[in-house]
Amino acid sequence: MNKWNIPDWLEKEVRNRDKHCIYCNVLFEENNTFRKSMPTWEHIINDAKIVTIDNIALCCCSCNASKGAKKLIFWLHSSYCIRNNITTETVADVARRALVQASKEANNFIH
């Protein structure tokens, strides 16, 4: 288990899946010298208790710092995302699935 309470098996699966930032698609390289494009752990839905393959991902430092504690759907409309051409269509599948799930949950709450 790492310091973010991500089990070893899950960390391995996520590292195998996420070779690029799930938001801006920057490639994570072994000898990455640019801090802004280094991989960081991301809870797509900002809830540290949700430690699943669908909520844990790797994104670059820049995207992680920009998103912070914002909900993904709101962050995608931020000036950072607009400036970097990050949209619901350009994010990785794992982020798109989280958006769909959040939308379903919101609809269930309304009805």
N, C-alpha and C. Protein backbone atom coordinates (compact mmCIF):
# COMPACT_ATOMS: atom_id res chain seq x y z
N MET A 1 0.85 -1.17 0.00
CA MET A 1 0.00 0.00 0.00
C MET A 1 0.90 1.24 0.00
N ASN A 2 0.59 2.18 -0.90
CA ASN A 2 1.41 3.39 -0.93
C ASN A 2 0.85 4.44 0.04
N LYS A 3 1.46 5.62 0.08
CA LYS A 3 1.08 6.61 1.08
C LYS A 3 -0.30 7.24 0.82
N TRP A 4 -0.88 6.95 -0.34
CA TRP A 4 -2.23 7.42 -0.65
C TRP A 4 -3.26 6.32 -0.44
N ASN A 5 -2.84 5.25 0.25
CA ASN A 5 -3.70 4.10 0.55
C ASN A 5 -4.17 3.35 -0.70
N ILE A 6 -3.34 3.37 -1.72
CA ILE A 6 -3.65 2.61 -2.94
C ILE A 6 -2.93 1.27 -2.82
N PRO A 7 -3.68 0.17 -2.84
CA PRO A 7 -3.05 -1.15 -2.72
C PRO A 7 -2.07 -1.41 -3.86
N ASP A 8 -1.06 -2.20 -3.59
CA ASP A 8 -0.03 -2.51 -4.59
C ASP A 8 -0.61 -3.03 -5.89
N TRP A 9 -1.58 -3.95 -5.81
CA TRP A 9 -2.16 -4.54 -7.02
C TRP A 9 -2.84 -3.48 -7.87
N LEU A 10 -3.52 -2.51 -7.22
CA LEU A 10 -4.22 -1.46 -7.94
C LEU A 10 -3.22 -0.47 -8.54
N GLU A 11 -2.20 -0.14 -7.78
CA GLU A 11 -1.15 0.75 -8.29
C GLU A 11 -0.54 0.16 -9.57
N LYS A 12 -0.27 -1.12 -9.55
CA LYS A 12 0.31 -1.79 -10.72
C LYS A 12 -0.64 -1.72 -11.92
N GLU A 13 -1.92 -2.00 -11.69
CA GLU A 13 -2.90 -1.95 -12.78
C GLU A 13 -3.00 -0.55 -13.38
N VAL A 14 -3.05 0.45 -12.51
CA VAL A 14 -3.18 1.83 -12.98
C VAL A 14 -1.93 2.25 -13.75
N ARG A 15 -0.76 1.91 -13.23
CA ARG A 15 0.48 2.26 -13.93
C ARG A 15 0.57 1.56 -15.29
N ASN A 16 0.04 0.36 -15.40
CA ASN A 16 0.01 -0.34 -16.69
C ASN A 16 -0.97 0.30 -17.66
N ARG A 17 -2.07 0.83 -17.13
CA ARG A 17 -3.10 1.44 -17.97
C ARG A 17 -2.75 2.87 -18.39
N ASP A 18 -2.28 3.67 -17.44
CA ASP A 18 -2.10 5.11 -17.67
C ASP A 18 -0.65 5.45 -18.01
N LYS A 19 -0.34 5.40 -19.27
CA LYS A 19 1.00 5.77 -19.75
C LYS A 19 1.05 7.25 -20.14
N HIS A 20 -0.13 7.87 -20.19
CA HIS A 20 -0.30 9.30 -20.51
C HIS A 20 -1.19 9.91 -19.44
N CYS A 21 -1.13 11.21 -19.30
CA CYS A 21 -2.07 11.91 -18.42
C CYS A 21 -3.48 11.63 -18.92
N ILE A 22 -4.37 11.26 -18.00
CA ILE A 22 -5.74 10.93 -18.43
C ILE A 22 -6.51 12.16 -18.89
N TYR A 23 -5.99 13.33 -18.63
CA TYR A 23 -6.67 14.56 -19.02
C TYR A 23 -6.05 15.21 -20.26
N CYS A 24 -4.77 15.54 -20.22
CA CYS A 24 -4.15 16.27 -21.34
C CYS A 24 -3.37 15.39 -22.30
N ASN A 25 -3.20 14.11 -21.93
CA ASN A 25 -2.55 13.11 -22.78
C ASN A 25 -1.03 13.25 -22.88
N VAL A 26 -0.39 14.04 -22.01
CA VAL A 26 1.07 14.13 -22.03
C VAL A 26 1.65 12.76 -21.69
N LEU A 27 2.67 12.36 -22.41
CA LEU A 27 3.31 11.07 -22.20
C LEU A 27 4.17 11.09 -20.95
N PHE A 28 4.03 10.06 -20.12
CA PHE A 28 4.89 9.90 -18.95
C PHE A 28 6.11 9.10 -19.38
N GLU A 29 7.28 9.70 -19.24
CA GLU A 29 8.52 9.03 -19.63
C GLU A 29 9.29 8.63 -18.39
N GLU A 30 10.08 7.57 -18.51
CA GLU A 30 10.87 7.07 -17.37
C GLU A 30 11.77 8.15 -16.78
N ASN A 31 12.47 8.86 -17.62
CA ASN A 31 13.42 9.88 -17.15
C ASN A 31 12.86 11.27 -17.33
N ASN A 32 11.63 11.45 -16.92
CA ASN A 32 10.96 12.72 -17.08
C ASN A 32 11.65 13.79 -16.23
N THR A 33 12.13 14.85 -16.86
CA THR A 33 12.82 15.91 -16.14
C THR A 33 11.93 17.13 -15.91
N PHE A 34 10.76 17.16 -16.52
CA PHE A 34 9.85 18.29 -16.36
C PHE A 34 8.80 17.94 -15.32
N ARG A 35 8.85 18.64 -14.19
CA ARG A 35 7.94 18.34 -13.09
C ARG A 35 6.48 18.45 -13.53
N LYS A 36 6.15 19.42 -14.37
CA LYS A 36 4.75 19.62 -14.75
C LYS A 36 4.17 18.44 -15.51
N SER A 37 5.01 17.62 -16.12
CA SER A 37 4.48 16.47 -16.85
C SER A 37 4.78 15.14 -16.16
N MET A 38 5.15 15.20 -14.89
CA MET A 38 5.37 13.98 -14.12
C MET A 38 4.01 13.41 -13.69
N PRO A 39 3.91 12.09 -13.60
CA PRO A 39 2.63 11.49 -13.19
C PRO A 39 2.37 11.70 -11.70
N THR A 40 1.11 11.98 -11.39
CA THR A 40 0.66 12.11 -10.00
C THR A 40 -0.61 11.29 -9.85
N TRP A 41 -0.89 10.85 -8.64
CA TRP A 41 -2.09 10.08 -8.38
C TRP A 41 -3.31 10.99 -8.38
N GLU A 42 -4.37 10.51 -8.98
CA GLU A 42 -5.59 11.30 -9.11
C GLU A 42 -6.80 10.47 -8.68
N HIS A 43 -7.65 11.07 -7.86
CA HIS A 43 -8.97 10.51 -7.58
C HIS A 43 -9.90 11.27 -8.53
N ILE A 44 -10.39 10.61 -9.54
CA ILE A 44 -11.22 11.27 -10.55
C ILE A 44 -12.43 11.89 -9.88
N ILE A 45 -13.12 11.09 -9.08
CA ILE A 45 -14.18 11.61 -8.21
C ILE A 45 -13.45 11.93 -6.91
N ASN A 46 -13.50 13.17 -6.48
CA ASN A 46 -12.69 13.62 -5.34
C ASN A 46 -13.18 13.05 -4.02
N ASP A 47 -12.97 11.76 -3.86
CA ASP A 47 -13.33 11.08 -2.62
C ASP A 47 -12.26 10.03 -2.34
N ALA A 48 -11.44 10.29 -1.37
CA ALA A 48 -10.30 9.41 -1.06
C ALA A 48 -10.74 8.02 -0.62
N LYS A 49 -12.02 7.87 -0.27
CA LYS A 49 -12.52 6.55 0.13
C LYS A 49 -12.81 5.66 -1.08
N ILE A 50 -12.91 6.26 -2.27
CA ILE A 50 -13.19 5.48 -3.48
C ILE A 50 -11.85 5.10 -4.10
N VAL A 51 -11.36 3.93 -3.72
CA VAL A 51 -10.06 3.45 -4.18
C VAL A 51 -10.32 2.25 -5.09
N THR A 52 -10.72 2.56 -6.33
CA THR A 52 -11.06 1.52 -7.31
C THR A 52 -10.36 1.82 -8.63
N ILE A 53 -10.31 0.84 -9.49
CA ILE A 53 -9.69 1.01 -10.81
C ILE A 53 -10.43 2.08 -11.63
N ASP A 54 -11.70 2.33 -11.30
CA ASP A 54 -12.49 3.33 -12.02
C ASP A 54 -12.32 4.74 -11.47
N ASN A 55 -11.68 4.87 -10.30
CA ASN A 55 -11.53 6.20 -9.72
C ASN A 55 -10.08 6.62 -9.51
N ILE A 56 -9.16 5.69 -9.51
CA ILE A 56 -7.75 6.01 -9.32
C ILE A 56 -7.08 6.04 -10.69
N ALA A 57 -6.32 7.10 -10.95
CA ALA A 57 -5.67 7.26 -12.24
C ALA A 57 -4.38 8.05 -12.07
N LEU A 58 -3.66 8.18 -13.17
CA LEU A 58 -2.47 9.03 -13.19
C LEU A 58 -2.73 10.22 -14.10
N CYS A 59 -2.41 11.39 -13.60
CA CYS A 59 -2.48 12.59 -14.43
C CYS A 59 -1.22 13.40 -14.16
N CYS A 60 -0.94 14.34 -15.02
CA CYS A 60 0.28 15.14 -14.86
C CYS A 60 0.10 16.14 -13.70
N CYS A 61 1.21 16.63 -13.20
CA CYS A 61 1.19 17.60 -12.10
C CYS A 61 0.38 18.84 -12.46
N SER A 62 0.51 19.29 -13.70
CA SER A 62 -0.21 20.49 -14.12
C SER A 62 -1.72 20.31 -14.04
N CYS A 63 -2.21 19.20 -14.60
CA CYS A 63 -3.65 18.95 -14.56
C CYS A 63 -4.12 18.74 -13.12
N ASN A 64 -3.35 17.99 -12.34
CA ASN A 64 -3.74 17.72 -10.96
C ASN A 64 -3.80 19.02 -10.15
N ALA A 65 -2.83 19.89 -10.33
CA ALA A 65 -2.83 21.16 -9.61
C ALA A 65 -4.00 22.03 -10.04
N SER A 66 -4.31 22.02 -11.32
CA SER A 66 -5.42 22.82 -11.81
C SER A 66 -6.77 22.28 -11.33
N LYS A 67 -6.94 20.97 -11.40
CA LYS A 67 -8.22 20.37 -11.01
C LYS A 67 -8.44 20.47 -9.51
N GLY A 68 -7.41 20.20 -8.73
CA GLY A 68 -7.55 20.28 -7.28
C GLY A 68 -8.75 19.49 -6.79
N ALA A 69 -9.61 20.12 -6.01
CA ALA A 69 -10.79 19.46 -5.45
C ALA A 69 -12.05 19.71 -6.27
N LYS A 70 -11.89 20.29 -7.46
CA LYS A 70 -13.06 20.58 -8.29
C LYS A 70 -13.68 19.29 -8.82
N LYS A 71 -14.98 19.33 -9.02
CA LYS A 71 -15.64 18.21 -9.69
C LYS A 71 -15.20 18.22 -11.14
N LEU A 72 -14.99 17.03 -11.69
CA LEU A 72 -14.48 16.90 -13.05
C LEU A 72 -15.31 17.67 -14.06
N ILE A 73 -16.62 17.55 -14.00
CA ILE A 73 -17.48 18.21 -14.99
C ILE A 73 -17.31 19.73 -14.96
N PHE A 74 -17.10 20.30 -13.78
CA PHE A 74 -16.90 21.75 -13.68
C PHE A 74 -15.50 22.14 -14.13
N TRP A 75 -14.52 21.34 -13.73
CA TRP A 75 -13.13 21.62 -14.12
C TRP A 75 -12.97 21.62 -15.63
N LEU A 76 -13.68 20.74 -16.32
CA LEU A 76 -13.55 20.66 -17.78
C LEU A 76 -13.99 21.94 -18.48
N HIS A 77 -14.69 22.82 -17.77
CA HIS A 77 -15.10 24.11 -18.34
C HIS A 77 -14.22 25.26 -17.85
N SER A 78 -13.14 24.93 -17.16
CA SER A 78 -12.24 25.95 -16.62
C SER A 78 -11.38 26.57 -17.71
N SER A 79 -10.80 27.70 -17.41
CA SER A 79 -9.91 28.35 -18.38
C SER A 79 -8.69 27.47 -18.68
N TYR A 80 -8.22 26.72 -17.69
CA TYR A 80 -7.09 25.81 -17.91
C TYR A 80 -7.43 24.79 -18.98
N CYS A 81 -8.58 24.16 -18.85
CA CYS A 81 -8.98 23.14 -19.84
C CYS A 81 -9.23 23.76 -21.21
N ILE A 82 -9.85 24.89 -21.23
CA ILE A 82 -10.10 25.58 -22.51
C ILE A 82 -8.77 25.91 -23.18
N ARG A 83 -7.84 26.46 -22.42
CA ARG A 83 -6.53 26.83 -22.94
C ARG A 83 -5.75 25.62 -23.45
N ASN A 84 -5.95 24.46 -22.81
CA ASN A 84 -5.20 23.26 -23.16
C ASN A 84 -6.00 22.26 -24.00
N ASN A 85 -7.15 22.70 -24.50
CA ASN A 85 -8.01 21.87 -25.35
C ASN A 85 -8.37 20.54 -24.70
N ILE A 86 -8.69 20.58 -23.43
CA ILE A 86 -9.12 19.39 -22.69
C ILE A 86 -10.64 19.44 -22.61
N THR A 87 -11.28 18.41 -23.16
CA THR A 87 -12.74 18.36 -23.20
C THR A 87 -13.22 16.96 -22.80
N THR A 88 -14.52 16.81 -22.70
CA THR A 88 -15.08 15.49 -22.40
C THR A 88 -14.72 14.49 -23.49
N GLU A 89 -14.50 14.98 -24.69
CA GLU A 89 -14.15 14.09 -25.80
C GLU A 89 -12.67 13.73 -25.84
N THR A 90 -11.81 14.53 -25.23
CA THR A 90 -10.37 14.29 -25.34
C THR A 90 -9.78 13.56 -24.13
N VAL A 91 -10.50 13.51 -23.03
CA VAL A 91 -9.97 12.82 -21.84
C VAL A 91 -9.98 11.32 -22.07
N ALA A 92 -9.20 10.61 -21.27
CA ALA A 92 -9.11 9.15 -21.38
C ALA A 92 -10.45 8.48 -21.04
N ASP A 93 -10.60 7.26 -21.50
CA ASP A 93 -11.84 6.51 -21.28
C ASP A 93 -12.22 6.44 -19.81
N VAL A 94 -11.25 6.24 -18.93
CA VAL A 94 -11.56 6.11 -17.51
C VAL A 94 -12.22 7.40 -16.98
N ALA A 95 -11.80 8.55 -17.46
CA ALA A 95 -12.41 9.82 -17.05
C ALA A 95 -13.79 9.98 -17.67
N ARG A 96 -13.95 9.58 -18.92
CA ARG A 96 -15.27 9.64 -19.58
C ARG A 96 -16.28 8.75 -18.85
N ARG A 97 -15.83 7.56 -18.46
CA ARG A 97 -16.73 6.65 -17.73
C ARG A 97 -17.16 7.27 -16.39
N ALA A 98 -16.23 7.95 -15.72
CA ALA A 98 -16.56 8.62 -14.45
C ALA A 98 -17.59 9.72 -14.68
N LEU A 99 -17.48 10.44 -15.78
CA LEU A 99 -18.46 11.47 -16.11
C LEU A 99 -19.84 10.88 -16.36
N VAL A 100 -19.88 9.77 -17.08
CA VAL A 100 -21.15 9.10 -17.35
C VAL A 100 -21.78 8.62 -16.05
N GLN A 101 -20.96 8.01 -15.19
CA GLN A 101 -21.46 7.52 -13.90
C GLN A 101 -21.98 8.66 -13.04
N ALA A 102 -21.27 9.76 -13.00
CA ALA A 102 -21.70 10.92 -12.20
C ALA A 102 -23.01 11.47 -12.74
N SER A 103 -23.16 11.48 -14.06
CA SER A 103 -24.39 11.95 -14.68
C SER A 103 -25.56 11.05 -14.32
N LYS A 104 -25.34 9.74 -14.35
CA LYS A 104 -26.40 8.79 -13.98
C LYS A 104 -26.82 8.99 -12.53
N GLU A 105 -25.84 9.17 -11.64
CA GLU A 105 -26.13 9.36 -10.23
C GLU A 105 -26.90 10.65 -10.00
N ALA A 106 -26.55 11.70 -10.73
CA ALA A 106 -27.27 12.97 -10.62
C ALA A 106 -28.70 12.81 -11.08
N ASN A 107 -28.93 12.08 -12.18
CA ASN A 107 -30.28 11.86 -12.68
C ASN A 107 -31.10 11.05 -11.69
N ASN A 108 -30.49 10.05 -11.06
CA ASN A 108 -31.20 9.25 -10.07
C ASN A 108 -31.58 10.09 -8.86
N PHE A 109 -30.72 11.03 -8.51
CA PHE A 109 -30.99 11.90 -7.36
C PHE A 109 -32.17 12.82 -7.65
N ILE A 110 -32.24 13.29 -8.89
CA ILE A 110 -33.31 14.22 -9.29
C ILE A 110 -34.65 13.51 -9.35
N HIS A 111 -34.66 12.26 -9.80
CA HIS A 111 -35.93 11.54 -10.00
C HIS A 111 -36.30 10.77 -8.80
